[in-house]
N, C-alpha and C. Protein backbone atom coordinates (compact mmCIF):
# COMPACT_ATOMS: atom_id res chain seq x y z
N MET A 1 -14.03 -2.94 18.78
CA MET A 1 -14.41 -3.82 18.11
C MET A 1 -15.52 -3.03 16.75
N GLN A 2 -16.07 -1.93 17.36
CA GLN A 2 -16.53 -1.09 16.36
C GLN A 2 -15.83 -0.51 15.30
N LYS A 3 -14.64 -0.11 16.11
CA LYS A 3 -13.71 0.52 15.08
C LYS A 3 -13.09 -0.25 13.59
N ILE A 4 -12.86 -1.59 14.12
CA ILE A 4 -12.39 -2.65 12.96
C ILE A 4 -13.54 -2.68 12.26
N ALA A 5 -14.82 -2.99 12.75
CA ALA A 5 -15.73 -3.47 11.84
C ALA A 5 -15.89 -2.26 10.80
N ALA A 6 -15.61 -0.96 11.55
CA ALA A 6 -15.98 0.09 10.49
C ALA A 6 -14.58 0.32 9.45
N LEU A 7 -13.84 -0.06 10.03
CA LEU A 7 -12.35 0.05 8.91
C LEU A 7 -12.59 -0.91 7.91
N LYS A 8 -12.85 -2.05 8.36
CA LYS A 8 -13.26 -3.05 7.33
C LYS A 8 -14.50 -2.89 6.37
N GLN A 9 -15.31 -2.07 6.95
CA GLN A 9 -16.66 -1.77 5.98
C GLN A 9 -15.83 -0.95 4.75
N LEU A 10 -14.81 0.12 5.31
CA LEU A 10 -14.40 0.97 4.22
C LEU A 10 -13.30 0.26 3.50
N GLY A 11 -13.14 -0.91 3.41
CA GLY A 11 -12.53 -1.88 2.46
C GLY A 11 -10.87 -2.22 2.86
N LEU A 12 -10.49 -1.88 4.22
CA LEU A 12 -9.17 -1.70 4.62
C LEU A 12 -8.89 -3.34 4.94
N SER A 13 -7.88 -3.64 4.70
CA SER A 13 -7.10 -5.40 4.81
C SER A 13 -6.87 -5.52 6.12
N LEU A 14 -6.92 -6.61 6.85
CA LEU A 14 -6.37 -6.56 8.13
C LEU A 14 -5.32 -6.13 8.61
N GLU A 15 -4.23 -6.06 7.78
CA GLU A 15 -2.90 -5.55 7.87
C GLU A 15 -3.12 -4.03 8.03
N GLU A 16 -3.73 -3.44 7.23
CA GLU A 16 -4.05 -1.84 7.17
C GLU A 16 -4.66 -1.66 8.64
N ILE A 17 -5.67 -2.47 8.90
CA ILE A 17 -6.53 -2.04 10.01
C ILE A 17 -5.70 -2.20 11.20
N GLN A 18 -4.87 -3.02 11.52
CA GLN A 18 -3.71 -3.24 12.46
C GLN A 18 -2.78 -2.04 12.54
N GLU A 19 -2.26 -1.70 11.31
CA GLU A 19 -1.58 -0.41 11.34
C GLU A 19 -2.26 1.11 11.95
N VAL A 20 -3.49 1.02 11.29
CA VAL A 20 -4.52 1.99 11.70
C VAL A 20 -4.67 2.17 13.41
N ILE A 21 -5.03 0.63 14.10
CA ILE A 21 -5.39 0.98 15.36
C ILE A 21 -4.40 0.94 15.87
N ASP A 22 -3.01 0.87 15.44
CA ASP A 22 -1.71 0.80 16.21
C ASP A 22 -1.80 2.36 16.68
N LEU A 23 -1.79 3.26 15.34
CA LEU A 23 -1.51 4.85 15.19
C LEU A 23 -2.77 5.28 16.34
N TYR A 24 -4.14 4.60 16.33
CA TYR A 24 -4.94 5.13 17.36
C TYR A 24 -4.52 5.06 18.85
N PHE A 25 -3.70 4.37 19.03
CA PHE A 25 -3.38 3.91 20.44
C PHE A 25 -2.11 4.83 20.62
N GLN A 26 -1.39 5.27 19.70
CA GLN A 26 -0.23 5.98 19.88
C GLN A 26 -0.71 7.39 20.17
N ASP A 27 -1.81 7.93 19.66
CA ASP A 27 -2.51 9.24 19.60
C ASP A 27 -3.90 8.83 20.37
N ALA A 28 -4.27 8.52 21.48
CA ALA A 28 -5.38 8.45 22.03
C ALA A 28 -6.25 9.59 22.41
N GLU A 29 -5.76 10.77 22.25
CA GLU A 29 -6.49 12.02 22.48
C GLU A 29 -7.25 12.63 21.24
N THR A 30 -6.68 12.72 20.16
CA THR A 30 -7.07 12.92 18.97
C THR A 30 -7.21 11.97 17.79
N HIS A 31 -6.45 10.91 17.72
CA HIS A 31 -6.39 10.12 16.63
C HIS A 31 -6.10 10.52 15.11
N LEU A 32 -5.41 11.77 15.40
CA LEU A 32 -5.21 12.29 14.04
C LEU A 32 -4.18 11.33 13.08
N ALA A 33 -3.48 10.66 13.90
CA ALA A 33 -2.33 9.88 13.11
C ALA A 33 -3.17 8.56 12.36
N GLY A 34 -3.96 7.98 13.01
CA GLY A 34 -4.93 6.97 12.32
C GLY A 34 -5.94 7.34 11.63
N LYS A 35 -6.42 8.80 11.62
CA LYS A 35 -7.48 9.30 10.62
C LYS A 35 -6.52 9.29 9.58
N GLN A 36 -5.50 10.04 9.53
CA GLN A 36 -4.26 10.19 8.00
C GLN A 36 -3.98 9.00 7.63
N LYS A 37 -3.94 8.30 8.54
CA LYS A 37 -3.55 6.65 7.59
C LYS A 37 -4.89 6.33 6.91
N VAL A 38 -5.87 6.42 7.55
CA VAL A 38 -6.95 5.64 6.96
C VAL A 38 -7.38 6.60 5.61
N ILE A 39 -7.11 7.92 5.54
CA ILE A 39 -7.34 8.80 4.42
C ILE A 39 -5.92 8.50 3.25
N ASP A 40 -5.10 8.17 3.92
CA ASP A 40 -3.90 7.58 2.89
C ASP A 40 -4.14 6.27 2.28
N ILE A 41 -4.44 5.57 2.83
CA ILE A 41 -5.21 4.29 2.31
C ILE A 41 -6.30 4.31 1.19
N LEU A 42 -7.25 5.08 1.90
CA LEU A 42 -8.48 5.19 0.92
C LEU A 42 -7.89 6.12 -0.48
N ASN A 43 -6.94 7.10 -0.57
CA ASN A 43 -6.41 7.18 -1.43
C ASN A 43 -5.71 6.73 -2.35
N GLU A 44 -5.18 5.68 -1.80
CA GLU A 44 -4.41 4.59 -2.68
C GLU A 44 -5.45 3.79 -3.15
N GLN A 45 -6.42 3.34 -2.70
CA GLN A 45 -7.56 2.69 -3.37
C GLN A 45 -7.97 3.23 -4.45
N LEU A 46 -8.27 4.50 -4.27
CA LEU A 46 -9.06 5.57 -5.12
C LEU A 46 -7.81 5.32 -6.53
N ALA A 47 -6.78 5.48 -6.55
CA ALA A 47 -5.91 5.57 -7.65
C ALA A 47 -6.04 4.28 -7.93
N LYS A 48 -5.98 3.10 -7.37
CA LYS A 48 -5.99 1.86 -7.96
C LYS A 48 -7.26 1.67 -8.81
N THR A 49 -8.33 2.00 -7.99
CA THR A 49 -9.66 2.00 -8.80
C THR A 49 -9.67 2.67 -10.11
N ASP A 50 -9.30 4.02 -9.84
CA ASP A 50 -9.08 4.58 -11.21
C ASP A 50 -8.26 4.17 -12.29
N THR A 51 -6.99 3.56 -11.86
CA THR A 51 -6.60 3.05 -12.85
C THR A 51 -6.71 1.72 -13.64
N GLN A 52 -7.63 0.99 -12.78
CA GLN A 52 -8.51 -0.24 -13.12
C GLN A 52 -9.50 0.14 -14.32
N ILE A 53 -10.23 0.97 -13.61
CA ILE A 53 -11.46 1.85 -14.93
C ILE A 53 -10.61 2.04 -15.80
N ASP A 54 -9.85 2.82 -15.93
CA ASP A 54 -9.21 3.22 -17.19
C ASP A 54 -8.82 2.15 -18.05
N GLU A 55 -8.12 0.87 -17.50
CA GLU A 55 -7.85 -0.12 -18.17
C GLU A 55 -8.82 -1.02 -18.64
N LEU A 56 -9.58 -1.14 -17.94
CA LEU A 56 -11.36 -1.62 -18.01
C LEU A 56 -11.90 -0.89 -19.62
N SER A 57 -11.71 0.52 -19.09
CA SER A 57 -12.36 1.08 -20.29
C SER A 57 -11.59 0.99 -21.80
N ARG A 58 -10.30 0.91 -21.78
CA ARG A 58 -9.77 0.50 -22.59
C ARG A 58 -10.15 -0.44 -23.29
N PHE A 59 -10.20 -1.66 -22.28
CA PHE A 59 -10.24 -3.46 -23.35
C PHE A 59 -11.58 -3.11 -23.45
N ARG A 60 -12.47 -2.49 -23.08
CA ARG A 60 -14.01 -2.47 -23.74
C ARG A 60 -13.98 -1.85 -24.89
N SER A 61 -13.14 -0.78 -25.12
CA SER A 61 -13.03 -0.25 -26.63
C SER A 61 -12.62 -1.29 -27.22
N ASP A 62 -11.51 -1.89 -27.00
CA ASP A 62 -11.01 -3.14 -27.90
C ASP A 62 -11.75 -3.90 -28.21
N LEU A 63 -12.58 -4.71 -27.29
CA LEU A 63 -13.17 -5.49 -27.49
C LEU A 63 -14.57 -5.03 -28.39
N ILE A 64 -15.28 -4.00 -28.54
CA ILE A 64 -15.70 -3.27 -29.35
C ILE A 64 -15.63 -3.31 -30.94
N ARG A 65 -14.32 -2.91 -30.68
CA ARG A 65 -13.59 -2.49 -31.92
C ARG A 65 -13.38 -4.03 -32.92
N ASN A 66 -13.00 -4.87 -31.92
CA ASN A 66 -12.66 -6.29 -32.48
C ASN A 66 -14.25 -6.72 -32.82
N ILE A 67 -15.14 -6.61 -32.11
CA ILE A 67 -16.25 -7.43 -32.30
C ILE A 67 -16.79 -6.88 -33.70
N ARG A 68 -16.76 -5.39 -34.32
CA ARG A 68 -17.39 -4.89 -35.15
C ARG A 68 -16.51 -5.38 -36.29
N HIS A 69 -14.94 -5.64 -36.23
CA HIS A 69 -14.34 -5.90 -37.33
C HIS A 69 -14.65 -7.40 -37.75
N MET A 70 -14.64 -8.13 -36.68
CA MET A 70 -15.14 -9.65 -36.95
C MET A 70 -16.74 -9.69 -37.61
N GLU A 71 -17.69 -9.00 -37.38
CA GLU A 71 -18.89 -8.74 -38.01
C GLU A 71 -18.56 -8.60 -39.35
N GLN A 72 -18.03 -7.49 -39.46
CA GLN A 72 -17.72 -6.92 -41.11
C GLN A 72 -17.10 -7.99 -41.92
N LEU A 73 -16.34 -8.97 -41.13
CA LEU A 73 -15.54 -9.82 -42.21
C LEU A 73 -16.58 -11.07 -42.29
N TYR A 74 -17.57 -10.92 -41.21
CA TYR A 74 -18.46 -12.24 -41.41
C TYR A 74 -19.39 -11.85 -42.24
N GLU A 75 -19.95 -10.54 -42.55
CA GLU A 75 -20.83 -10.28 -43.74
C GLU A 75 -20.26 -10.04 -44.86
N GLU A 76 -18.92 -9.97 -44.93
CA GLU A 76 -18.32 -9.96 -46.15
C GLU A 76 -18.21 -11.39 -46.84
N ALA A 77 -18.14 -12.41 -45.86
CA ALA A 77 -17.75 -13.59 -45.98
C ALA A 77 -19.08 -14.43 -46.43
N LYS A 78 -20.14 -13.66 -46.23
CA LYS A 78 -21.26 -14.36 -46.19
C LYS A 78 -21.59 -14.75 -47.80
N PRO A 79 -22.29 -15.95 -48.46
CA PRO A 79 -22.63 -15.38 -49.94
C PRO A 79 -23.67 -14.83 -50.02
N LYS A 80 -23.50 -14.04 -51.26
CA LYS A 80 -24.42 -12.87 -51.62
C LYS A 80 -25.76 -13.70 -52.34
N LYS A 81 -26.80 -13.14 -51.59
CA LYS A 81 -28.29 -13.74 -52.21
C LYS A 81 -28.40 -12.94 -53.66
N ARG A 82 -29.16 -13.97 -54.46
CA ARG A 82 -29.62 -13.67 -55.84
C ARG A 82 -30.94 -13.23 -55.66
N ALA A 83 -31.24 -12.31 -56.99
CA ALA A 83 -32.62 -11.85 -56.72
C ALA A 83 -33.29 -12.47 -57.93
């Protein structure tokens, strides 16, 4: 039960945990296959996270550019104050 909780804490889905637990039972002595599976899953999660970060970073840059553009249009449309 501790192993399941630990794997869940690492962010593995229940399906992934089942795969890992099955591998642990197949290799009860060293658990190398299960450990390798966890490493593979975590590396996949890291790659997905990096992709999401890149996409969000591009989206953030686009938002900043759009905000500045709209602020410029707003300022240009404002009536000029007379002295």
